[in-house]
PDB file of all heavy atoms in Angstrom:
ATOM      1  N   ASN A   1       0.826  -1.205   0.000  1.00  0.00           N
ATOM      2  CA  ASN A   1       0.000   0.000   0.000  1.00  0.00           C
ATOM      3  C   ASN A   1       0.862   1.258   0.000  1.00  0.00           C
ATOM      4  O   ASN A   1       0.542   2.249  -0.678  1.00  0.00           O
ATOM      5  CB  ASN A   1      -0.937   0.001   1.210  1.00  0.00           C
ATOM      6  CG  ASN A   1      -2.026  -1.044   1.095  1.00  0.00           C
ATOM      7  OD1 ASN A   1      -2.311  -1.540  -0.001  1.00  0.00           O
ATOM      8  ND2 ASN A   1      -2.636  -1.410   2.203  1.00  0.00           N
ATOM      9  N   ALA A   2       1.955   1.246   0.748  1.00  0.00           N
ATOM     10  CA  ALA A   2       2.849   2.403   0.777  1.00  0.00           C
ATOM     11  C   ALA A   2       3.505   2.604  -0.584  1.00  0.00           C
ATOM     12  O   ALA A   2       3.661   3.747  -1.050  1.00  0.00           O
ATOM     13  CB  ALA A   2       3.906   2.230   1.859  1.00  0.00           C
ATOM     14  N   PHE A   3       3.871   1.512  -1.225  1.00  0.00           N
ATOM     15  CA  PHE A   3       4.482   1.601  -2.548  1.00  0.00           C
ATOM     16  C   PHE A   3       3.509   2.202  -3.563  1.00  0.00           C
ATOM     17  O   PHE A   3       3.854   3.117  -4.319  1.00  0.00           O
ATOM     18  CB  PHE A   3       4.930   0.208  -2.993  1.00  0.00           C
ATOM     19  CG  PHE A   3       5.311   0.115  -4.439  1.00  0.00           C
ATOM     20  CD1 PHE A   3       6.460   0.721  -4.915  1.00  0.00           C
ATOM     21  CD2 PHE A   3       4.504  -0.588  -5.336  1.00  0.00           C
ATOM     22  CE1 PHE A   3       6.809   0.639  -6.262  1.00  0.00           C
ATOM     23  CE2 PHE A   3       4.850  -0.676  -6.670  1.00  0.00           C
ATOM     24  CZ  PHE A   3       6.005  -0.067  -7.137  1.00  0.00           C
ATOM     25  N   ILE A   4       2.273   1.697  -3.580  1.00  0.00           N
ATOM     26  CA  ILE A   4       1.281   2.188  -4.536  1.00  0.00           C
ATOM     27  C   ILE A   4       0.937   3.646  -4.251  1.00  0.00           C
ATOM     28  O   ILE A   4       0.782   4.456  -5.178  1.00  0.00           O
ATOM     29  CB  ILE A   4       0.025   1.291  -4.491  1.00  0.00           C
ATOM     30  CG1 ILE A   4       0.369  -0.098  -5.034  1.00  0.00           C
ATOM     31  CG2 ILE A   4      -1.124   1.917  -5.278  1.00  0.00           C
ATOM     32  CD1 ILE A   4      -0.756  -1.086  -4.955  1.00  0.00           C
ATOM     33  N   ALA A   5       0.828   4.020  -2.986  1.00  0.00           N
ATOM     34  CA  ALA A   5       0.491   5.401  -2.646  1.00  0.00           C
ATOM     35  C   ALA A   5       1.565   6.377  -3.125  1.00  0.00           C
ATOM     36  O   ALA A   5       1.250   7.500  -3.530  1.00  0.00           O
ATOM     37  CB  ALA A   5       0.306   5.531  -1.134  1.00  0.00           C
ATOM     38  N   GLU A   6       2.823   5.956  -3.124  1.00  0.00           N
ATOM     39  CA  GLU A   6       3.900   6.848  -3.542  1.00  0.00           C
ATOM     40  C   GLU A   6       4.088   6.855  -5.055  1.00  0.00           C
ATOM     41  O   GLU A   6       4.300   7.900  -5.659  1.00  0.00           O
ATOM     42  CB  GLU A   6       5.207   6.448  -2.870  1.00  0.00           C
ATOM     43  CG  GLU A   6       6.372   7.372  -3.206  1.00  0.00           C
ATOM     44  CD  GLU A   6       7.605   7.069  -2.394  1.00  0.00           C
ATOM     45  OE1 GLU A   6       7.482   6.427  -1.331  1.00  0.00           O
ATOM     46  OE2 GLU A   6       8.711   7.482  -2.821  1.00  0.00           O
ATOM     47  N   VAL A   7       4.007   5.692  -5.667  1.00  0.00           N
ATOM     48  CA  VAL A   7       4.277   5.595  -7.098  1.00  0.00           C
ATOM     49  C   VAL A   7       3.045   5.943  -7.927  1.00  0.00           C
ATOM     50  O   VAL A   7       3.154   6.538  -9.000  1.00  0.00           O
ATOM     51  CB  VAL A   7       4.773   4.183  -7.444  1.00  0.00           C
ATOM     52  CG1 VAL A   7       5.043   4.053  -8.940  1.00  0.00           C
ATOM     53  CG2 VAL A   7       6.035   3.869  -6.663  1.00  0.00           C
ATOM     54  N   PHE A   8       1.861   5.594  -7.444  1.00  0.00           N
ATOM     55  CA  PHE A   8       0.624   5.871  -8.171  1.00  0.00           C
ATOM     56  C   PHE A   8      -0.317   6.706  -7.291  1.00  0.00           C
ATOM     57  O   PHE A   8      -1.390   6.237  -6.895  1.00  0.00           O
ATOM     58  CB  PHE A   8      -0.070   4.567  -8.576  1.00  0.00           C
ATOM     59  CG  PHE A   8       0.823   3.608  -9.306  1.00  0.00           C
ATOM     60  CD1 PHE A   8       1.264   2.439  -8.698  1.00  0.00           C
ATOM     61  CD2 PHE A   8       1.241   3.874 -10.601  1.00  0.00           C
ATOM     62  CE1 PHE A   8       2.097   1.555  -9.345  1.00  0.00           C
ATOM     63  CE2 PHE A   8       2.068   2.990 -11.269  1.00  0.00           C
ATOM     64  CZ  PHE A   8       2.507   1.829 -10.642  1.00  0.00           C
ATOM     65  N   PRO A   9       0.049   7.937  -6.977  1.00  0.00           N
ATOM     66  CA  PRO A   9      -0.769   8.726  -6.043  1.00  0.00           C
ATOM     67  C   PRO A   9      -2.139   9.079  -6.595  1.00  0.00           C
ATOM     68  O   PRO A   9      -3.074   9.324  -5.829  1.00  0.00           O
ATOM     69  CB  PRO A   9       0.073   9.982  -5.825  1.00  0.00           C
ATOM     70  CG  PRO A   9       0.930  10.083  -7.045  1.00  0.00           C
ATOM     71  CD  PRO A   9       1.227   8.678  -7.440  1.00  0.00           C
ATOM     72  N   ALA A  10      -2.302   9.107  -7.912  1.00  0.00           N
ATOM     73  CA  ALA A  10      -3.591   9.486  -8.503  1.00  0.00           C
ATOM     74  C   ALA A  10      -4.676   8.459  -8.219  1.00  0.00           C
ATOM     75  O   ALA A  10      -5.869   8.752  -8.372  1.00  0.00           O
ATOM     76  CB  ALA A  10      -3.444   9.675 -10.011  1.00  0.00           C
ATOM     77  N   SER A  11      -4.301   7.249  -7.815  1.00  0.00           N
ATOM     78  CA  SER A  11      -5.307   6.228  -7.521  1.00  0.00           C
ATOM     79  C   SER A  11      -6.009   6.463  -6.194  1.00  0.00           C
ATOM     80  O   SER A  11      -7.029   5.843  -5.911  1.00  0.00           O
ATOM     81  CB  SER A  11      -4.655   4.839  -7.506  1.00  0.00           C
ATOM     82  OG  SER A  11      -3.660   4.762  -6.500  1.00  0.00           O
ATOM     83  N   GLY A  12      -5.466   7.368  -5.363  1.00  0.00           N
ATOM     84  CA  GLY A  12      -6.105   7.665  -4.090  1.00  0.00           C
ATOM     85  C   GLY A  12      -5.790   6.620  -3.048  1.00  0.00           C
ATOM     86  O   GLY A  12      -5.093   5.628  -3.300  1.00  0.00           O
ATOM     87  N   PRO A  13      -6.279   6.800  -1.832  1.00  0.00           N
ATOM     88  CA  PRO A  13      -6.005   5.835  -0.760  1.00  0.00           C
ATOM     89  C   PRO A  13      -6.611   4.479  -1.066  1.00  0.00           C
ATOM     90  O   PRO A  13      -7.677   4.383  -1.667  1.00  0.00           O
ATOM     91  CB  PRO A  13      -6.655   6.480   0.465  1.00  0.00           C
ATOM     92  CG  PRO A  13      -7.670   7.432  -0.081  1.00  0.00           C
ATOM     93  CD  PRO A  13      -7.129   7.920  -1.378  1.00  0.00           C
ATOM     94  N   ARG A  14      -5.931   3.418  -0.660  1.00  0.00           N
ATOM     95  CA  ARG A  14      -6.385   2.059  -0.958  1.00  0.00           C
ATOM     96  C   ARG A  14      -7.619   1.685  -0.158  1.00  0.00           C
ATOM     97  O   ARG A  14      -8.500   1.007  -0.659  1.00  0.00           O
ATOM     98  CB  ARG A  14      -5.254   1.070  -0.644  1.00  0.00           C
ATOM     99  CG  ARG A  14      -4.013   1.248  -1.493  1.00  0.00           C
ATOM    100  CD  ARG A  14      -4.174   0.634  -2.849  1.00  0.00           C
ATOM    101  NE  ARG A  14      -4.162  -0.813  -2.785  1.00  0.00           N
ATOM    102  CZ  ARG A  14      -4.356  -1.614  -3.825  1.00  0.00           C
ATOM    103  NH1 ARG A  14      -4.603  -1.102  -5.006  1.00  0.00           N
ATOM    104  NH2 ARG A  14      -4.328  -2.921  -3.695  1.00  0.00           N
ATOM    105  N   ASP A  15      -7.713   2.127   1.078  1.00  0.00           N
ATOM    106  CA  ASP A  15      -8.838   1.747   1.939  1.00  0.00           C
ATOM    107  C   ASP A  15      -9.252   2.963   2.765  1.00  0.00           C
ATOM    108  O   ASP A  15      -8.951   3.033   3.961  1.00  0.00           O
ATOM    109  CB  ASP A  15      -8.435   0.574   2.841  1.00  0.00           C
ATOM    110  CG  ASP A  15      -9.629   0.002   3.576  1.00  0.00           C
ATOM    111  OD1 ASP A  15     -10.773   0.252   3.145  1.00  0.00           O
ATOM    112  OD2 ASP A  15      -9.418  -0.698   4.585  1.00  0.00           O
ATOM    113  N   PRO A  16      -9.933   3.919   2.143  1.00  0.00           N
ATOM    114  CA  PRO A  16     -10.283   5.150   2.868  1.00  0.00           C
ATOM    115  C   PRO A  16     -11.256   4.871   4.009  1.00  0.00           C
ATOM    116  O   PRO A  16     -12.198   4.088   3.866  1.00  0.00           O
ATOM    117  CB  PRO A  16     -10.917   6.014   1.784  1.00  0.00           C
ATOM    118  CG  PRO A  16     -11.428   5.051   0.766  1.00  0.00           C
ATOM    119  CD  PRO A  16     -10.461   3.904   0.772  1.00  0.00           C
ATOM    120  N   LYS A  17     -11.053   5.514   5.136  1.00  0.00           N
ATOM    121  CA  LYS A  17     -11.886   5.300   6.315  1.00  0.00           C
ATOM    122  C   LYS A  17     -12.894   6.441   6.464  1.00  0.00           C
ATOM    123  O   LYS A  17     -12.534   7.616   6.392  1.00  0.00           O
ATOM    124  CB  LYS A  17     -11.018   5.229   7.570  1.00  0.00           C
ATOM    125  CG  LYS A  17      -9.949   4.142   7.534  1.00  0.00           C
ATOM    126  CD  LYS A  17     -10.564   2.749   7.451  1.00  0.00           C
ATOM    127  CE  LYS A  17      -9.479   1.672   7.481  1.00  0.00           C
ATOM    128  NZ  LYS A  17     -10.057   0.311   7.332  1.00  0.00           N
ATOM    129  N   PRO A  18     -14.177   6.111   6.648  1.00  0.00           N
ATOM    130  CA  PRO A  18     -15.177   7.170   6.864  1.00  0.00           C
ATOM    131  C   PRO A  18     -15.082   7.720   8.287  1.00  0.00           C
ATOM    132  O   PRO A  18     -14.594   7.052   9.204  1.00  0.00           O
ATOM    133  CB  PRO A  18     -16.498   6.444   6.628  1.00  0.00           C
ATOM    134  CG  PRO A  18     -16.209   5.016   7.001  1.00  0.00           C
ATOM    135  CD  PRO A  18     -14.783   4.766   6.614  1.00  0.00           C
ATOM    136  N   SER A  19     -15.599   8.953   8.468  1.00  0.00           N
ATOM    137  CA  SER A  19     -15.603   9.567   9.798  1.00  0.00           C
ATOM    138  C   SER A  19     -16.846   9.182  10.594  1.00  0.00           C
ATOM    139  O   SER A  19     -16.864   9.307  11.819  1.00  0.00           O
ATOM    140  CB  SER A  19     -15.533  11.092   9.667  1.00  0.00           C
ATOM    141  OG  SER A  19     -16.735  11.586   9.081  1.00  0.00           O
ATOM    142  N   GLY A  20     -17.891   8.774   9.882  1.00  0.00           N
ATOM    143  CA  GLY A  20     -19.151   8.465  10.546  1.00  0.00           C
ATOM    144  C   GLY A  20     -20.039   9.676  10.728  1.00  0.00           C
ATOM    145  O   GLY A  20     -21.151   9.561  11.263  1.00  0.00           O
ATOM    146  N   ILE A  21     -19.596  10.841  10.260  1.00  0.00           N
ATOM    147  CA  ILE A  21     -20.390  12.074  10.363  1.00  0.00           C
ATOM    148  C   ILE A  21     -20.972  12.373   8.986  1.00  0.00           C
ATOM    149  O   ILE A  21     -20.234  12.522   8.004  1.00  0.00           O
ATOM    150  CB  ILE A  21     -19.521  13.251  10.844  1.00  0.00           C
ATOM    151  CG1 ILE A  21     -18.873  12.917  12.193  1.00  0.00           C
ATOM    152  CG2 ILE A  21     -20.341  14.525  10.936  1.00  0.00           C
ATOM    153  CD1 ILE A  21     -17.871  13.951  12.654  1.00  0.00           C
ATOM    154  N   ALA A  22     -22.289  12.469   8.899  1.00  0.00           N
ATOM    155  CA  ALA A  22     -22.947  12.712   7.614  1.00  0.00           C
ATOM    156  C   ALA A  22     -22.649  14.131   7.130  1.00  0.00           C
ATOM    157  O   ALA A  22     -22.646  15.083   7.911  1.00  0.00           O
ATOM    158  CB  ALA A  22     -24.445  12.494   7.733  1.00  0.00           C
ATOM    159  N   ALA A  23     -22.410  14.241   5.828  1.00  0.00           N
ATOM    160  CA  ALA A  23     -22.175  15.554   5.203  1.00  0.00           C
ATOM    161  C   ALA A  23     -22.489  15.424   3.721  1.00  0.00           C
ATOM    162  O   ALA A  23     -22.018  14.480   3.071  1.00  0.00           O
ATOM    163  CB  ALA A  23     -20.735  16.008   5.411  1.00  0.00           C
ATOM    164  N   PRO A  24     -23.287  16.319   3.144  1.00  0.00           N
ATOM    165  CA  PRO A  24     -23.660  16.205   1.730  1.00  0.00           C
ATOM    166  C   PRO A  24     -22.475  16.503   0.813  1.00  0.00           C
ATOM    167  O   PRO A  24     -21.544  17.228   1.182  1.00  0.00           O
ATOM    168  CB  PRO A  24     -24.761  17.252   1.570  1.00  0.00           C
ATOM    169  CG  PRO A  24     -24.458  18.272   2.627  1.00  0.00           C
ATOM    170  CD  PRO A  24     -23.893  17.502   3.786  1.00  0.00           C
ATOM    171  N   LEU A  25     -22.532  15.927  -0.379  1.00  0.00           N
ATOM    172  CA  LEU A  25     -21.504  16.196  -1.382  1.00  0.00           C
ATOM    173  C   LEU A  25     -21.685  17.597  -1.961  1.00  0.00           C
ATOM    174  O   LEU A  25     -22.805  18.072  -2.149  1.00  0.00           O
ATOM    175  CB  LEU A  25     -21.601  15.184  -2.525  1.00  0.00           C
ATOM    176  CG  LEU A  25     -21.089  13.760  -2.281  1.00  0.00           C
ATOM    177  CD1 LEU A  25     -21.371  12.903  -3.503  1.00  0.00           C
ATOM    178  CD2 LEU A  25     -19.610  13.772  -1.976  1.00  0.00           C
ATOM    179  N   VAL A  26     -20.577  18.244  -2.260  1.00  0.00           N
ATOM    180  CA  VAL A  26     -20.642  19.543  -2.932  1.00  0.00           C
ATOM    181  C   VAL A  26     -21.024  19.294  -4.390  1.00  0.00           C
ATOM    182  O   VAL A  26     -20.838  18.189  -4.917  1.00  0.00           O
ATOM    183  CB  VAL A  26     -19.294  20.274  -2.850  1.00  0.00           C
ATOM    184  CG1 VAL A  26     -18.953  20.612  -1.421  1.00  0.00           C
ATOM    185  CG2 VAL A  26     -18.196  19.444  -3.504  1.00  0.00           C
TER     186      VAL A  26
END
């Protein structure tokens, strides 16, 4: 995951964690 995040940053985080707080999309 660290390798992909550095070499292919445009792919975004591999396993993004939600905050649990609702918020509408812009």
